[in-house]
Amino acid sequence: MNKILIFIVVIATLFSSLLLCESVLKSSAIIQKDASPVSFTTISNGNSSNTKNTCSSMKSTTSGGTLDVFLDPSPQPVRNNDQTKFKVFFLQKGGIDKIQNHIDYDIMIARDGGKKLFQASTLAGQPGIPLHTAEGIVTIPYEFQGTGYYSVNVTVYGILFNEIRPESVIFPIHVTPEVAGTNVKNTTTTLTQLRPPGPILSAQPQQQQQQQQQQYSFVREWGNAGPNQFQYPTGVAVDSSGNVYVVDSANSTIQKFTRDSKFVTKWGSLGDCDGQFDHPTGITVDHTGNVYISDHDNSRIQKFDSNGKFLTSWGSKGNVDGSFDSIEGLAVDPSNNVYVVDSGNNRIQKFDSNGKFITSWGSYGAGVGKFRFADSIAVDSLGKNVYVSDSDNRSIKIFSLTHSTK
């Protein structure tokens, strides 16, 4: 009787192993399949081509069919020795472009069919352990050292705090040669400056306008992995005294330097208490020296004095006034009002310097006053015009203050 039971157990185990191997092989075959780009415009040395894309934005479904993943490289085309930022959007299935929150993921970059060159979890100091994004949007920087074909592999390990069987999608990337003359330390820009209003003394064109040469020379750079250096800097701002503030997102810290790069101080750590951060992204400094940080995964804005003393914070996860869904860029106007790119809610919100809500505008779409994952923002010196980079619509939108009530 015991021999019969043992025989049955062995047969059942062998059968289960065969089914598992078959499943793994099928999954592997799907994972290795290249993603289909949304816009398959191919540019190679300035000419159209039917070869692999160079790469434009790409969207594909994960191997298990659970999510859509949108990959947006910037700048494009991707060139050798350029710093490329890969923005990854995790989207709910069905082509509705709705962000899926709380994703466990990892991202790898490799030579096409070759060895792994980059892994996001390694950059974050936890090799092989999935990372987590509460907002469903992540940005990965990488500088390619060599032309040719590469792949970006995005793998999802969990959704809404529930572990899933890993699902991947592979995006092909074609890295083209750098443009001659772009990797130099001195850049000369020619500006055409028109004469101010006044009597024209001569009708000759060369006396009606003047040519002015401006030359910018490389000064210095600083920062690398290590103490008082950077792991993953995502934002920088300068105050009226020339001090430089840097957001080091992976280290959840803000660092302050003098104008000649001497370290002054730093503050912050990983967490959700006052003065702590969870993947901070943007930064701006107002005209009195106060520093504002977009605390991305904590869905809030934090305000500090110039030495890092916590002053106040505002915001929470949501879509009502004063709440956020994926905070990106920040800006201040001459009155120290704070403008926030609420990217996941496709809107701009305006607050006073203490976080009191003033107004907001924008919605999802491609029309006038609409956004698709807006990213950065700037305000002119008069506080009248607001400039917004609308990433997925590939445009810059300008808004003017037309009416104000007090």
Protein backbone atom coordinates (compact mmCIF):
# COMPACT_ATOMS: atom_id res chain seq x y z
CA MET A 1 0.00 0.00 0.00
CA ASN A 2 2.83 2.42 0.91
CA LYS A 3 4.59 1.68 -2.40
CA ILE A 4 1.40 2.51 -4.30
CA LEU A 5 1.03 5.85 -2.45
CA ILE A 6 4.69 6.77 -3.10
CA PHE A 7 4.26 5.92 -6.80
CA ILE A 8 1.17 8.17 -7.03
CA VAL A 9 2.98 11.07 -5.32
CA VAL A 10 5.97 10.75 -7.69
CA ILE A 11 3.73 10.71 -10.78
CA ALA A 12 1.79 13.77 -9.52
CA THR A 13 5.02 15.67 -8.82
CA LEU A 14 6.39 14.94 -12.29
CA PHE A 15 3.14 16.05 -13.91
CA SER A 16 3.10 19.34 -11.92
CA SER A 17 6.73 20.02 -12.91
CA LEU A 18 5.90 19.52 -16.59
CA LEU A 19 3.00 21.97 -16.35
CA LEU A 20 5.21 24.54 -14.56
CA CYS A 21 7.97 24.23 -17.19
CA GLU A 22 5.44 24.69 -19.98
CA SER A 23 4.02 27.78 -18.27
CA VAL A 24 7.49 29.29 -17.71
CA LEU A 25 8.47 28.70 -21.34
CA LYS A 26 5.28 30.35 -22.60
CA SER A 27 5.79 33.31 -20.26
CA SER A 28 9.41 33.67 -21.33
CA ALA A 29 8.42 33.67 -24.99
CA ILE A 30 5.96 36.48 -24.35
CA ILE A 31 8.39 38.53 -22.26
CA GLN A 32 11.04 38.47 -24.97
CA LYS A 33 8.64 39.90 -27.53
CA ASP A 34 9.43 43.53 -28.42
CA ALA A 35 6.92 46.22 -27.52
CA SER A 36 4.99 47.94 -30.27
CA PRO A 37 5.51 51.71 -30.23
CA VAL A 38 2.53 54.01 -30.20
CA SER A 39 4.16 56.32 -32.69
CA PHE A 40 6.51 54.38 -34.97
CA THR A 41 8.18 57.42 -36.51
CA THR A 42 11.76 56.42 -37.22
CA ILE A 43 14.50 58.98 -37.66
CA SER A 44 17.99 57.86 -38.58
CA ASN A 45 20.55 60.50 -39.51
CA GLY A 46 17.70 62.81 -40.43
CA ASN A 47 16.03 60.44 -42.88
CA SER A 48 12.98 58.21 -42.67
CA SER A 49 13.69 54.53 -42.22
CA ASN A 50 11.88 51.25 -41.78
CA THR A 51 14.40 49.93 -39.29
CA LYS A 52 13.82 49.81 -35.54
CA ASN A 53 12.44 52.97 -34.01
CA THR A 54 14.82 55.61 -32.66
CA CYS A 55 12.46 55.75 -30.70
CA SER A 56 9.47 58.05 -30.05
CA SER A 57 7.10 57.18 -27.19
CA MET A 58 6.02 53.58 -26.77
CA LYS A 59 3.12 51.83 -25.13
CA SER A 60 2.61 48.12 -24.59
CA THR A 61 0.83 45.62 -22.39
CA THR A 62 2.75 43.55 -19.85
CA SER A 63 3.33 39.88 -20.62
CA GLY A 64 0.51 38.76 -18.33
CA GLY A 65 -1.93 41.31 -19.74
CA THR A 66 -2.54 43.06 -16.41
CA LEU A 67 -1.21 46.57 -17.12
CA ASP A 68 -0.29 48.92 -19.94
CA VAL A 69 3.14 50.56 -19.69
CA PHE A 70 3.98 53.83 -21.44
CA LEU A 71 7.65 54.72 -21.97
CA ASP A 72 8.60 58.29 -22.93
CA PRO A 73 12.32 58.93 -23.54
CA SER A 74 13.58 62.51 -23.49
CA PRO A 75 15.26 64.04 -25.39
CA GLN A 76 14.61 62.36 -28.71
CA PRO A 77 16.18 60.91 -30.72
CA VAL A 78 18.27 59.12 -28.11
CA ARG A 79 21.92 59.89 -28.80
CA ASN A 80 25.23 58.55 -27.61
CA ASN A 81 26.76 60.42 -24.62
CA ASP A 82 23.49 62.29 -23.98
CA GLN A 83 21.72 62.13 -20.61
CA THR A 84 18.40 60.45 -21.40
CA LYS A 85 15.44 60.46 -19.04
CA PHE A 86 13.02 57.56 -19.39
CA LYS A 87 9.64 58.46 -17.94
CA VAL A 88 7.57 55.35 -17.22
CA PHE A 89 3.80 55.48 -16.72
CA PHE A 90 1.97 52.44 -15.32
CA LEU A 91 -1.53 52.54 -16.78
CA GLN A 92 -4.71 50.60 -16.11
CA LYS A 93 -5.52 48.11 -18.84
CA GLY A 94 -7.84 49.20 -21.62
CA GLY A 95 -6.23 52.16 -23.37
CA ILE A 96 -7.84 54.81 -21.16
CA ASP A 97 -4.49 56.29 -20.07
CA LYS A 98 -5.50 56.22 -16.41
CA ILE A 99 -2.57 55.91 -13.99
CA GLN A 100 -2.42 52.79 -11.83
CA ASN A 101 -1.19 53.68 -8.34
CA HIS A 102 0.99 51.62 -5.99
CA ILE A 103 3.20 49.56 -8.26
CA ASP A 104 6.14 47.35 -7.25
CA TYR A 105 8.57 47.37 -10.16
CA ASP A 106 12.12 47.21 -11.43
CA ILE A 107 13.66 48.57 -14.62
CA MET A 108 16.70 47.27 -16.47
CA ILE A 109 18.62 48.56 -19.49
CA ALA A 110 20.71 46.17 -21.57
CA ARG A 111 22.42 45.90 -24.90
CA ASP A 112 20.06 44.29 -27.39
CA GLY A 113 20.58 40.61 -26.54
CA GLY A 114 23.58 41.47 -24.39
CA LYS A 115 24.53 42.03 -20.78
CA LYS A 116 22.65 44.18 -18.26
CA LEU A 117 24.03 47.74 -18.02
CA PHE A 118 21.63 49.34 -15.53
CA GLN A 119 19.10 48.31 -12.89
CA ALA A 120 16.87 50.78 -11.05
CA SER A 121 16.85 48.78 -7.80
CA THR A 122 20.67 48.78 -7.81
CA LEU A 123 20.68 52.57 -8.27
CA ALA A 124 18.37 52.85 -5.25
CA GLY A 125 20.73 50.71 -3.16
CA GLN A 126 18.59 47.57 -2.99
CA PRO A 127 19.73 45.33 -5.88
CA GLY A 128 17.07 42.89 -7.04
CA ILE A 129 14.47 44.08 -4.52
CA PRO A 130 11.44 45.63 -6.28
CA LEU A 131 10.96 49.37 -5.88
CA HIS A 132 7.61 50.95 -5.09
CA THR A 133 5.88 53.95 -6.63
CA ALA A 134 2.72 55.21 -4.98
CA GLU A 135 1.93 57.50 -7.91
CA GLY A 136 2.47 55.08 -10.79
CA ILE A 137 5.00 57.33 -12.55
CA VAL A 138 8.78 57.04 -12.34
CA THR A 139 11.69 58.72 -14.14
CA ILE A 140 14.96 56.89 -14.79
CA PRO A 141 18.11 58.71 -16.00
CA TYR A 142 20.73 56.96 -18.10
CA GLU A 143 23.65 58.04 -20.28
CA PHE A 144 24.38 55.65 -23.15
CA GLN A 145 28.03 54.95 -23.88
CA GLY A 146 27.88 53.62 -27.41
CA THR A 147 25.57 53.61 -30.41
CA GLY A 148 23.41 50.68 -31.47
CA TYR A 149 20.34 48.85 -30.22
CA TYR A 150 19.40 48.56 -26.56
CA SER A 151 16.37 47.41 -24.60
CA VAL A 152 14.52 48.82 -21.60
CA ASN A 153 12.88 46.05 -19.59
CA VAL A 154 10.09 47.11 -17.20
CA THR A 155 8.94 44.40 -14.78
CA VAL A 156 5.93 44.64 -12.45
CA TYR A 157 5.97 42.59 -9.24
CA GLY A 158 2.95 43.94 -7.39
CA ILE A 159 -0.15 46.13 -7.71
CA LEU A 160 -1.97 47.91 -4.87
CA PHE A 161 0.23 46.12 -2.29
CA ASN A 162 -0.69 42.70 -3.71
CA GLU A 163 2.16 40.57 -5.05
CA ILE A 164 1.66 39.24 -8.57
CA ARG A 165 3.58 36.84 -10.76
CA PRO A 166 6.19 39.10 -12.44
CA GLU A 167 5.04 40.59 -15.75
CA SER A 168 7.43 42.35 -18.11
CA VAL A 169 7.52 44.41 -21.25
CA ILE A 170 10.61 45.16 -23.34
CA PHE A 171 11.01 48.41 -25.27
CA PRO A 172 13.61 48.61 -28.07
CA ILE A 173 15.84 51.69 -28.09
CA HIS A 174 18.09 52.77 -30.94
CA VAL A 175 20.95 55.02 -29.81
CA THR A 176 22.28 57.19 -32.64
CA PRO A 177 25.65 58.98 -32.86
CA GLU A 178 25.97 62.29 -31.04
CA VAL A 179 25.60 65.39 -33.17
CA ALA A 180 28.98 66.85 -34.10
CA GLY A 181 29.83 69.81 -31.93
CA THR A 182 27.31 69.15 -29.14
CA ASN A 183 29.79 67.58 -26.74
CA VAL A 184 31.98 70.65 -26.35
CA LYS A 185 32.52 72.77 -23.28
CA ASN A 186 32.09 76.17 -24.93
CA THR A 187 28.94 77.16 -26.76
CA THR A 188 28.52 80.35 -28.75
CA THR A 189 25.05 81.78 -29.26
CA THR A 190 24.31 84.57 -31.73
CA LEU A 191 21.50 86.93 -30.81
CA THR A 192 19.90 89.47 -33.09
CA GLN A 193 19.10 92.60 -31.11
CA LEU A 194 16.84 95.20 -32.73
CA ARG A 195 17.51 98.90 -32.20
CA PRO A 196 15.27 100.60 -29.64
CA PRO A 197 12.48 102.86 -30.94
CA GLY A 198 13.81 106.13 -32.35
CA PRO A 199 14.69 107.89 -35.57
CA ILE A 200 16.37 105.76 -38.22
CA LEU A 201 19.52 107.54 -39.29
CA SER A 202 20.15 105.31 -42.28
CA ALA A 203 18.13 102.89 -44.34
CA GLN A 204 21.00 100.43 -44.50
CA PRO A 205 20.01 97.12 -42.81
CA GLN A 206 23.27 96.81 -40.87
CA GLN A 207 22.47 100.05 -39.03
CA GLN A 208 18.91 98.97 -38.23
CA GLN A 209 20.02 95.95 -36.25
CA GLN A 210 23.09 94.90 -34.35
CA GLN A 211 24.71 91.50 -34.02
CA GLN A 212 25.82 90.53 -30.52
CA GLN A 213 27.96 87.49 -29.74
CA GLN A 214 27.54 85.74 -26.39
CA GLN A 215 29.81 82.90 -25.34
CA TYR A 216 29.17 80.53 -22.44
CA SER A 217 32.13 78.61 -21.00
CA PHE A 218 31.99 75.53 -18.80
CA VAL A 219 32.84 76.45 -15.19
CA ARG A 220 32.65 73.34 -13.00
CA GLU A 221 30.63 70.32 -12.01
CA TRP A 222 30.30 68.48 -8.75
CA GLY A 223 28.53 65.50 -7.28
CA ASN A 224 28.87 61.76 -7.44
CA ALA A 225 27.80 58.85 -5.28
CA GLY A 226 29.17 59.30 -1.74
CA PRO A 227 28.91 61.44 1.43
CA ASN A 228 27.48 64.91 0.78
CA GLN A 229 27.16 63.99 -2.88
CA PHE A 230 24.25 62.66 -4.91
CA GLN A 231 22.56 59.36 -5.63
CA TYR A 232 19.79 60.59 -7.96
CA PRO A 233 19.45 64.41 -8.20
CA THR A 234 16.12 65.48 -9.73
CA GLY A 235 15.78 69.20 -8.98
CA VAL A 236 17.92 72.29 -8.48
CA ALA A 237 17.21 75.90 -7.46
CA VAL A 238 19.27 79.00 -6.73
CA ASP A 239 18.44 81.72 -4.18
CA SER A 240 19.10 85.46 -4.50
CA SER A 241 22.52 85.05 -2.83
CA GLY A 242 23.63 82.43 -5.34
CA ASN A 243 23.33 79.45 -2.99
CA VAL A 244 22.43 76.22 -4.78
CA TYR A 245 19.84 73.75 -3.46
CA VAL A 246 19.74 70.20 -4.85
CA VAL A 247 17.00 67.57 -4.47
CA ASP A 248 18.63 64.15 -4.11
CA SER A 249 15.55 62.02 -4.61
CA ALA A 250 17.02 58.55 -4.00
CA ASN A 251 18.62 59.71 -0.72
CA SER A 252 15.47 61.66 0.32
CA THR A 253 17.61 64.69 1.14
CA ILE A 254 18.05 68.34 0.21
CA GLN A 255 21.61 69.64 -0.01
CA LYS A 256 22.74 73.27 0.02
CA PHE A 257 25.96 74.56 -1.56
CA THR A 258 27.58 77.93 -2.09
CA ARG A 259 27.77 79.33 -5.61
CA ASP A 260 31.27 77.79 -5.96
CA SER A 261 29.99 74.31 -4.95
CA LYS A 262 31.16 74.26 -1.30
CA PHE A 263 28.89 72.12 0.87
CA VAL A 264 26.87 74.12 3.42
CA THR A 265 24.23 71.81 4.92
CA LYS A 266 21.69 69.13 4.18
CA TRP A 267 18.44 67.89 5.64
CA GLY A 268 15.87 65.14 5.22
CA SER A 269 15.53 61.36 5.41
CA LEU A 270 13.10 58.73 4.18
CA GLY A 271 9.70 58.92 5.86
CA ASP A 272 6.45 60.86 6.13
CA CYS A 273 7.10 63.02 9.20
CA ASP A 274 7.83 66.76 9.05
CA GLY A 275 11.19 67.25 7.34
CA GLN A 276 11.21 63.74 5.87
CA PHE A 277 10.63 62.83 2.22
CA ASP A 278 9.57 59.95 0.03
CA HIS A 279 11.05 60.52 -3.44
CA PRO A 280 11.12 64.33 -3.52
CA THR A 281 11.25 65.72 -7.06
CA GLY A 282 10.88 69.49 -7.53
CA ILE A 283 12.24 72.50 -5.69
CA THR A 284 11.90 76.27 -5.79
CA VAL A 285 13.09 79.19 -3.63
CA ASP A 286 11.00 82.29 -2.99
CA HIS A 287 12.24 85.88 -2.83
CA THR A 288 12.72 85.75 0.95
CA GLY A 289 14.87 82.60 0.79
CA ASN A 290 12.30 80.01 1.83
CA VAL A 291 12.60 76.63 0.12
CA TYR A 292 9.63 74.61 -1.18
CA ILE A 293 9.90 70.89 -1.98
CA SER A 294 7.47 68.65 -3.86
CA ASP A 295 7.39 65.50 -1.70
CA HIS A 296 6.20 63.23 -4.49
CA ASP A 297 5.18 59.95 -2.85
CA ASN A 298 3.86 61.72 0.28
CA SER A 299 1.62 63.90 -1.96
CA ARG A 300 2.49 67.15 -0.22
CA ILE A 301 4.51 70.36 -0.40
CA GLN A 302 6.98 71.09 2.39
CA LYS A 303 8.35 74.56 3.19
CA PHE A 304 11.69 75.24 4.94
CA ASP A 305 13.83 78.23 5.72
CA SER A 306 17.19 78.59 3.96
CA ASN A 307 18.94 76.43 6.59
CA GLY A 308 16.49 73.54 6.38
CA LYS A 309 14.30 74.39 9.37
CA PHE A 310 10.81 72.98 8.79
CA LEU A 311 8.14 75.68 8.56
CA THR A 312 4.95 74.11 7.24
CA SER A 313 3.49 71.59 4.81
CA TRP A 314 0.25 71.05 2.96
CA GLY A 315 -1.43 68.49 0.75
CA SER A 316 -2.60 64.90 0.71
CA LYS A 317 -3.46 62.22 -1.81
CA GLY A 318 -6.57 63.05 -3.82
CA ASN A 319 -8.20 65.23 -6.46
CA VAL A 320 -9.91 67.96 -4.45
CA ASP A 321 -8.50 71.47 -4.02
CA GLY A 322 -5.22 71.32 -2.12
CA SER A 323 -4.65 67.60 -2.67
CA PHE A 324 -2.35 66.02 -5.24
CA ASP A 325 -1.82 63.01 -7.45
CA SER A 326 1.82 62.86 -8.61
CA ILE A 327 3.42 66.24 -7.86
CA GLU A 328 6.09 67.31 -10.35
CA GLY A 329 7.39 70.88 -10.86
CA LEU A 330 7.15 73.94 -8.60
CA ALA A 331 7.52 77.67 -9.20
CA VAL A 332 7.02 80.92 -7.27
CA ASP A 333 5.98 84.37 -8.50
CA PRO A 334 7.20 87.78 -7.22
CA SER A 335 4.50 87.71 -4.52
CA ASN A 336 5.80 84.33 -3.28
CA ASN A 337 2.71 82.48 -4.45
CA VAL A 338 3.48 78.83 -5.15
CA TYR A 339 2.46 77.07 -8.38
CA VAL A 340 2.34 73.26 -8.34
CA VAL A 341 2.15 70.85 -11.28
CA ASP A 342 -0.40 68.27 -10.12
CA SER A 343 0.50 65.88 -12.95
CA GLY A 344 -1.75 62.92 -12.12
CA ASN A 345 -4.76 65.23 -11.89
CA ASN A 346 -3.71 67.08 -15.07
CA ARG A 347 -3.93 70.52 -13.50
CA ILE A 348 -1.99 73.43 -12.03
CA GLN A 349 -2.71 74.56 -8.47
CA LYS A 350 -1.80 77.94 -7.00
CA PHE A 351 -1.28 78.61 -3.28
CA ASP A 352 -0.04 81.45 -1.13
CA SER A 353 3.31 81.02 0.62
CA ASN A 354 1.67 79.29 3.61
CA GLY A 355 -0.27 76.76 1.55
CA LYS A 356 -3.66 78.46 1.36
CA PHE A 357 -5.40 77.38 -1.83
CA ILE A 358 -6.02 80.20 -4.33
CA THR A 359 -7.07 78.64 -7.63
CA SER A 360 -6.48 75.80 -10.08
CA TRP A 361 -6.95 75.11 -13.77
CA GLY A 362 -6.62 72.29 -16.26
CA SER A 363 -8.07 68.87 -17.05
CA TYR A 364 -7.12 65.79 -19.03
CA GLY A 365 -6.92 66.10 -22.80
CA ALA A 366 -5.21 67.69 -25.76
CA GLY A 367 -7.30 70.83 -26.17
CA VAL A 368 -6.90 74.39 -24.97
CA GLY A 369 -6.00 74.51 -21.28
CA LYS A 370 -5.78 70.72 -21.02
CA PHE A 371 -2.83 68.54 -20.07
CA ARG A 372 -1.56 65.02 -20.47
CA PHE A 373 0.98 64.47 -17.69
CA ALA A 374 2.33 68.02 -17.32
CA ASP A 375 5.83 68.10 -15.89
CA SER A 376 7.54 71.43 -15.17
CA ILE A 377 6.47 75.04 -14.66
CA ALA A 378 7.91 78.57 -14.62
CA VAL A 379 6.53 82.05 -13.88
CA ASP A 380 7.85 85.25 -15.45
CA SER A 381 9.39 88.12 -13.46
CA LEU A 382 6.10 90.03 -13.36
CA GLY A 383 4.02 87.09 -12.20
CA LYS A 384 1.67 87.55 -15.15
CA ASN A 385 2.56 84.60 -17.38
CA VAL A 386 2.84 80.95 -16.40
CA TYR A 387 4.67 78.45 -18.63
CA VAL A 388 3.91 74.71 -18.38
CA SER A 389 5.59 71.80 -20.17
CA ASP A 390 2.84 69.41 -21.24
CA SER A 391 4.85 66.21 -21.64
CA ASP A 392 2.52 63.81 -23.42
CA ASN A 393 1.07 66.53 -25.66
CA ARG A 394 4.66 67.53 -26.50
CA SER A 395 3.96 71.21 -26.07
CA ILE A 396 4.58 74.27 -23.93
CA LYS A 397 1.43 76.02 -22.76
CA ILE A 398 1.36 79.69 -21.68
CA PHE A 399 -1.29 81.10 -19.34
CA SER A 400 -1.79 84.78 -18.48
CA LEU A 401 -3.40 86.30 -15.40
CA THR A 402 -6.45 88.05 -16.85
CA HIS A 403 -8.52 88.79 -13.74
CA SER A 404 -7.80 89.08 -10.04
CA THR A 405 -10.11 89.79 -7.11
CA LYS A 406 -9.11 90.57 -3.56
